[in-house]
PDB file of all heavy atoms in Angstrom:
ATOM      1  N   GLN A   1     151.587   4.848  28.794  1.00  0.00           N
ATOM      2  CA  GLN A   1     152.829   5.519  28.211  1.00  0.00           C
ATOM      3  C   GLN A   1     152.942   6.963  28.628  1.00  0.00           C
ATOM      4  O   GLN A   1     153.955   7.427  28.910  1.00  0.00           O
ATOM      5  CB  GLN A   1     152.946   5.228  26.705  1.00  0.00           C
ATOM      6  CG  GLN A   1     153.138   3.782  26.405  1.00  0.00           C
ATOM      7  CD  GLN A   1     153.102   3.432  25.000  1.00  0.00           C
ATOM      8  OE1 GLN A   1     152.416   4.078  24.200  1.00  0.00           O
ATOM      9  NE2 GLN A   1     153.928   2.441  24.648  1.00  0.00           N
ATOM     10  N   CYS A   2     151.883   7.635  28.432  1.00  0.00           N
ATOM     11  CA  CYS A   2     151.799   9.168  28.824  1.00  0.00           C
ATOM     12  C   CYS A   2     152.065   9.295  30.347  1.00  0.00           C
ATOM     13  O   CYS A   2     152.768  10.194  30.737  1.00  0.00           O
ATOM     14  CB  CYS A   2     150.458   9.712  28.561  1.00  0.00           C
ATOM     15  SG  CYS A   2     150.312  10.121  26.779  1.00  0.00           S
ATOM     16  N   CYS A   3     151.482   8.382  31.158  1.00  0.00           N
ATOM     17  CA  CYS A   3     151.810   8.392  32.670  1.00  0.00           C
ATOM     18  C   CYS A   3     153.248   8.260  32.879  1.00  0.00           C
ATOM     19  O   CYS A   3     153.835   9.017  33.700  1.00  0.00           O
ATOM     20  CB  CYS A   3     150.912   7.468  33.311  1.00  0.00           C
ATOM     21  SG  CYS A   3     149.249   7.744  33.429  1.00  0.00           S
ATOM     22  N   GLN A   4     153.821   7.352  32.197  1.00  0.00           N
ATOM     23  CA  GLN A   4     155.279   7.085  32.340  1.00  0.00           C
ATOM     24  C   GLN A   4     156.056   8.297  31.936  1.00  0.00           C
ATOM     25  O   GLN A   4     156.955   8.755  32.678  1.00  0.00           O
ATOM     26  CB  GLN A   4     155.680   5.899  31.573  1.00  0.00           C
ATOM     27  CG  GLN A   4     157.219   5.668  31.623  1.00  0.00           C
ATOM     28  CD  GLN A   4     157.744   5.234  32.979  1.00  0.00           C
ATOM     29  OE1 GLN A   4     156.992   4.839  33.847  1.00  0.00           O
ATOM     30  NE2 GLN A   4     159.011   5.119  33.143  1.00  0.00           N
ATOM     31  N   LEU A   5     155.689   8.951  30.812  1.00  0.00           N
ATOM     32  CA  LEU A   5     156.481  10.085  30.335  1.00  0.00           C
ATOM     33  C   LEU A   5     156.361  11.349  31.335  1.00  0.00           C
ATOM     34  O   LEU A   5     157.321  12.012  31.584  1.00  0.00           O
ATOM     35  CB  LEU A   5     156.020  10.442  28.971  1.00  0.00           C
ATOM     36  CG  LEU A   5     156.419   9.526  27.855  1.00  0.00           C
ATOM     37  CD1 LEU A   5     155.753   9.829  26.541  1.00  0.00           C
ATOM     38  CD2 LEU A   5     157.921   9.506  27.716  1.00  0.00           C
ATOM     39  N   VAL A   6     155.128  11.447  31.865  1.00  0.00           N
ATOM     40  CA  VAL A   6     154.901  12.537  32.739  1.00  0.00           C
ATOM     41  C   VAL A   6     155.670  12.309  34.065  1.00  0.00           C
ATOM     42  O   VAL A   6     156.339  13.205  34.551  1.00  0.00           O
ATOM     43  CB  VAL A   6     153.390  12.717  33.090  1.00  0.00           C
ATOM     44  CG1 VAL A   6     153.182  13.633  34.285  1.00  0.00           C
ATOM     45  CG2 VAL A   6     152.680  13.218  31.909  1.00  0.00           C
ATOM     46  N   MET A   7     155.688  10.958  34.484  1.00  0.00           N
ATOM     47  CA  MET A   7     156.483  10.740  35.688  1.00  0.00           C
ATOM     48  C   MET A   7     157.962  10.978  35.579  1.00  0.00           C
ATOM     49  O   MET A   7     158.622  11.569  36.477  1.00  0.00           O
ATOM     50  CB  MET A   7     156.294   9.220  35.953  1.00  0.00           C
ATOM     51  CG  MET A   7     157.041   8.812  37.370  1.00  0.00           C
ATOM     52  SD  MET A   7     157.056   7.060  37.640  1.00  0.00           S
ATOM     53  CE  MET A   7     158.101   6.508  36.387  1.00  0.00           C
ATOM     54  N   VAL A   8     158.592  10.668  34.445  1.00  0.00           N
ATOM     55  CA  VAL A   8     160.012  10.980  34.243  1.00  0.00           C
ATOM     56  C   VAL A   8     160.286  12.394  33.769  1.00  0.00           C
ATOM     57  O   VAL A   8     161.543  12.688  33.614  1.00  0.00           O
ATOM     58  CB  VAL A   8     160.609   9.886  33.417  1.00  0.00           C
ATOM     59  CG1 VAL A   8     160.427   8.559  33.966  1.00  0.00           C
ATOM     60  CG2 VAL A   8     160.110   9.985  31.947  1.00  0.00           C
ATOM     61  N   SER A   9     159.269  13.182  33.408  1.00  0.00           N
ATOM     62  CA  SER A   9     159.561  14.454  32.756  1.00  0.00           C
ATOM     63  C   SER A   9     160.439  15.389  33.667  1.00  0.00           C
ATOM     64  O   SER A   9     161.120  16.204  33.169  1.00  0.00           O
ATOM     65  CB  SER A   9     158.203  15.119  32.435  1.00  0.00           C
ATOM     66  OG  SER A   9     157.478  15.458  33.629  1.00  0.00           O
ATOM     67  N   ASP A  10     160.325  15.320  35.062  1.00  0.00           N
ATOM     68  CA  ASP A  10     161.197  16.033  35.839  1.00  0.00           C
ATOM     69  C   ASP A  10     162.509  15.335  36.201  1.00  0.00           C
ATOM     70  O   ASP A  10     163.273  15.882  37.081  1.00  0.00           O
ATOM     71  CB  ASP A  10     160.377  16.311  37.112  1.00  0.00           C
ATOM     72  CG  ASP A  10     160.098  15.045  38.034  1.00  0.00           C
ATOM     73  OD1 ASP A  10     160.467  13.947  37.632  1.00  0.00           O
ATOM     74  OD2 ASP A  10     159.532  15.378  39.215  1.00  0.00           O
ATOM     75  N   ARG A  11     162.756  14.284  35.502  1.00  0.00           N
ATOM     76  CA  ARG A  11     164.050  13.623  35.671  1.00  0.00           C
ATOM     77  C   ARG A  11     164.221  13.061  36.987  1.00  0.00           C
ATOM     78  O   ARG A  11     165.420  12.752  37.424  1.00  0.00           O
ATOM     79  CB  ARG A  11     165.265  14.494  35.228  1.00  0.00           C
ATOM     80  CG  ARG A  11     165.171  15.003  33.824  1.00  0.00           C
ATOM     81  CD  ARG A  11     166.284  15.854  33.487  1.00  0.00           C
ATOM     82  NE  ARG A  11     166.007  16.748  32.381  1.00  0.00           N
ATOM     83  CZ  ARG A  11     166.286  16.392  31.145  1.00  0.00           C
ATOM     84  NH1 ARG A  11     166.705  15.203  30.827  1.00  0.00           N
ATOM     85  NH2 ARG A  11     165.997  17.286  30.131  1.00  0.00           N
ATOM     86  N   GLU A  12     163.228  12.925  37.821  1.00  0.00           N
ATOM     87  CA  GLU A  12     163.267  12.259  39.135  1.00  0.00           C
ATOM     88  C   GLU A  12     162.112  11.212  39.146  1.00  0.00           C
ATOM     89  O   GLU A  12     161.001  11.583  39.139  1.00  0.00           O
ATOM     90  CB  GLU A  12     162.979  13.319  40.202  1.00  0.00           C
ATOM     91  CG  GLU A  12     163.168  12.870  41.526  1.00  0.00           C
ATOM     92  CD  GLU A  12     162.853  13.992  42.648  1.00  0.00           C
ATOM     93  OE1 GLU A  12     162.997  15.169  42.224  1.00  0.00           O
ATOM     94  OE2 GLU A  12     162.639  13.690  43.745  1.00  0.00           O
ATOM     95  N   VAL A  13     162.579   9.983  39.427  1.00  0.00           N
ATOM     96  CA  VAL A  13     161.631   8.919  39.463  1.00  0.00           C
ATOM     97  C   VAL A  13     161.582   8.553  41.027  1.00  0.00           C
ATOM     98  O   VAL A  13     162.509   8.208  41.662  1.00  0.00           O
ATOM     99  CB  VAL A  13     162.114   7.638  38.738  1.00  0.00           C
ATOM    100  CG1 VAL A  13     161.135   6.505  38.851  1.00  0.00           C
ATOM    101  CG2 VAL A  13     162.108   8.131  37.244  1.00  0.00           C
ATOM    102  N   VAL A  14     160.370   8.581  41.545  1.00  0.00           N
ATOM    103  CA  VAL A  14     160.108   8.233  42.984  1.00  0.00           C
ATOM    104  C   VAL A  14     159.161   7.157  43.012  1.00  0.00           C
ATOM    105  O   VAL A  14     158.236   7.017  42.179  1.00  0.00           O
ATOM    106  CB  VAL A  14     159.659   9.405  43.771  1.00  0.00           C
ATOM    107  CG1 VAL A  14     160.774  10.542  43.785  1.00  0.00           C
ATOM    108  CG2 VAL A  14     158.474  10.071  43.271  1.00  0.00           C
ATOM    109  N   LYS A  15     159.172   6.330  44.076  1.00  0.00           N
ATOM    110  CA  LYS A  15     158.422   5.121  44.214  1.00  0.00           C
ATOM    111  C   LYS A  15     156.859   5.455  44.172  1.00  0.00           C
ATOM    112  O   LYS A  15     156.131   4.772  43.566  1.00  0.00           O
ATOM    113  CB  LYS A  15     158.834   4.429  45.495  1.00  0.00           C
ATOM    114  CG  LYS A  15     158.202   3.059  45.691  1.00  0.00           C
ATOM    115  CD  LYS A  15     158.788   2.167  44.550  1.00  0.00           C
ATOM    116  CE  LYS A  15     158.321   0.741  44.772  1.00  0.00           C
ATOM    117  NZ  LYS A  15     158.570  -0.068  43.667  1.00  0.00           N
ATOM    118  N   PRO A  16     156.461   6.572  44.883  1.00  0.00           N
ATOM    119  CA  PRO A  16     154.969   6.752  44.820  1.00  0.00           C
ATOM    120  C   PRO A  16     154.474   6.959  43.358  1.00  0.00           C
ATOM    121  O   PRO A  16     153.326   6.473  42.953  1.00  0.00           O
ATOM    122  CB  PRO A  16     154.742   8.010  45.618  1.00  0.00           C
ATOM    123  CG  PRO A  16     155.867   7.962  46.672  1.00  0.00           C
ATOM    124  CD  PRO A  16     157.101   7.373  45.815  1.00  0.00           C
ATOM    125  N   GLU A  17     155.229   7.650  42.544  1.00  0.00           N
ATOM    126  CA  GLU A  17     154.837   7.791  41.097  1.00  0.00           C
ATOM    127  C   GLU A  17     154.807   6.565  40.393  1.00  0.00           C
ATOM    128  O   GLU A  17     153.932   6.267  39.572  1.00  0.00           O
ATOM    129  CB  GLU A  17     155.808   8.948  40.515  1.00  0.00           C
ATOM    130  CG  GLU A  17     155.554  10.304  41.017  1.00  0.00           C
ATOM    131  CD  GLU A  17     156.499  11.362  40.371  1.00  0.00           C
ATOM    132  OE1 GLU A  17     157.552  10.845  39.877  1.00  0.00           O
ATOM    133  OE2 GLU A  17     156.225  12.428  40.423  1.00  0.00           O
ATOM    134  N   GLN A  18     155.885   5.692  40.585  1.00  0.00           N
ATOM    135  CA  GLN A  18     155.972   4.439  39.919  1.00  0.00           C
ATOM    136  C   GLN A  18     154.718   3.600  40.316  1.00  0.00           C
ATOM    137  O   GLN A  18     154.090   2.931  39.502  1.00  0.00           O
ATOM    138  CB  GLN A  18     157.202   3.747  40.271  1.00  0.00           C
ATOM    139  CG  GLN A  18     158.500   4.222  39.823  1.00  0.00           C
ATOM    140  CD  GLN A  18     159.780   3.590  40.304  1.00  0.00           C
ATOM    141  OE1 GLN A  18     159.900   3.320  41.407  1.00  0.00           O
ATOM    142  NE2 GLN A  18     160.600   3.270  39.194  1.00  0.00           N
ATOM    143  N   ASN A  19     154.454   3.543  41.648  1.00  0.00           N
ATOM    144  CA  ASN A  19     153.261   2.881  42.099  1.00  0.00           C
ATOM    145  C   ASN A  19     152.002   3.316  41.509  1.00  0.00           C
ATOM    146  O   ASN A  19     151.043   2.535  41.135  1.00  0.00           O
ATOM    147  CB  ASN A  19     153.131   3.012  43.625  1.00  0.00           C
ATOM    148  CG  ASN A  19     154.267   2.291  44.331  1.00  0.00           C
ATOM    149  OD1 ASN A  19     154.894   1.359  43.810  1.00  0.00           O
ATOM    150  ND2 ASN A  19     154.332   2.608  45.653  1.00  0.00           N
ATOM    151  N   ARG A  20     151.873   4.689  41.111  1.00  0.00           N
ATOM    152  CA  ARG A  20     150.572   5.276  40.578  1.00  0.00           C
ATOM    153  C   ARG A  20     150.545   4.743  39.118  1.00  0.00           C
ATOM    154  O   ARG A  20     149.475   4.345  38.663  1.00  0.00           O
ATOM    155  CB  ARG A  20     150.577   6.682  40.588  1.00  0.00           C
ATOM    156  CG  ARG A  20     149.436   7.376  40.014  1.00  0.00           C
ATOM    157  CD  ARG A  20     148.132   6.851  40.566  1.00  0.00           C
ATOM    158  NE  ARG A  20     148.000   7.412  41.985  1.00  0.00           N
ATOM    159  CZ  ARG A  20     146.889   7.480  42.677  1.00  0.00           C
ATOM    160  NH1 ARG A  20     145.786   7.161  42.068  1.00  0.00           N
ATOM    161  NH2 ARG A  20     146.893   7.897  43.915  1.00  0.00           N
ATOM    162  N   VAL A  21     151.684   4.692  38.367  1.00  0.00           N
ATOM    163  CA  VAL A  21     151.667   4.212  36.963  1.00  0.00           C
ATOM    164  C   VAL A  21     151.165   2.670  37.095  1.00  0.00           C
ATOM    165  O   VAL A  21     150.321   2.348  36.195  1.00  0.00           O
ATOM    166  CB  VAL A  21     152.972   4.342  36.358  1.00  0.00           C
ATOM    167  CG1 VAL A  21     152.950   3.665  35.024  1.00  0.00           C
ATOM    168  CG2 VAL A  21     153.336   5.865  36.175  1.00  0.00           C
ATOM    169  N   GLN A  22     151.621   1.904  37.965  1.00  0.00           N
ATOM    170  CA  GLN A  22     151.235   0.529  38.134  1.00  0.00           C
ATOM    171  C   GLN A  22     149.709   0.456  38.380  1.00  0.00           C
ATOM    172  O   GLN A  22     149.065  -0.376  37.825  1.00  0.00           O
ATOM    173  CB  GLN A  22     152.059  -0.153  39.217  1.00  0.00           C
ATOM    174  CG  GLN A  22     153.434  -0.266  38.977  1.00  0.00           C
ATOM    175  CD  GLN A  22     153.854  -1.060  37.810  1.00  0.00           C
ATOM    176  OE1 GLN A  22     153.279  -2.200  37.647  1.00  0.00           O
ATOM    177  NE2 GLN A  22     154.769  -0.590  37.019  1.00  0.00           N
ATOM    178  N   GLN A  23     149.279   1.319  39.317  1.00  0.00           N
ATOM    179  CA  GLN A  23     147.896   1.221  39.617  1.00  0.00           C
ATOM    180  C   GLN A  23     146.959   1.580  38.433  1.00  0.00           C
ATOM    181  O   GLN A  23     145.860   1.016  38.215  1.00  0.00           O
ATOM    182  CB  GLN A  23     147.576   2.186  40.797  1.00  0.00           C
ATOM    183  CG  GLN A  23     148.130   1.815  42.095  1.00  0.00           C
ATOM    184  CD  GLN A  23     148.051   2.938  43.150  1.00  0.00           C
ATOM    185  OE1 GLN A  23     147.767   4.079  42.858  1.00  0.00           O
ATOM    186  NE2 GLN A  23     148.342   2.626  44.464  1.00  0.00           N
ATOM    187  N   ILE A  24     147.444   2.562  37.775  1.00  0.00           N
ATOM    188  CA  ILE A  24     146.647   2.973  36.448  1.00  0.00           C
ATOM    189  C   ILE A  24     146.612   1.902  35.408  1.00  0.00           C
ATOM    190  O   ILE A  24     145.573   1.589  34.880  1.00  0.00           O
ATOM    191  CB  ILE A  24     147.148   4.282  35.924  1.00  0.00           C
ATOM    192  CG1 ILE A  24     146.878   5.496  36.902  1.00  0.00           C
ATOM    193  CG2 ILE A  24     146.826   4.595  34.562  1.00  0.00           C
ATOM    194  CD1 ILE A  24     147.539   6.802  36.650  1.00  0.00           C
TER     195      ILE A  24
END
């Protein structure tokens, strides 16, 4: 959940970040 919040904190969701959350 923290990884998801950090990913969206800049209001820009990009595929590499989404992939990293999945990997984690």
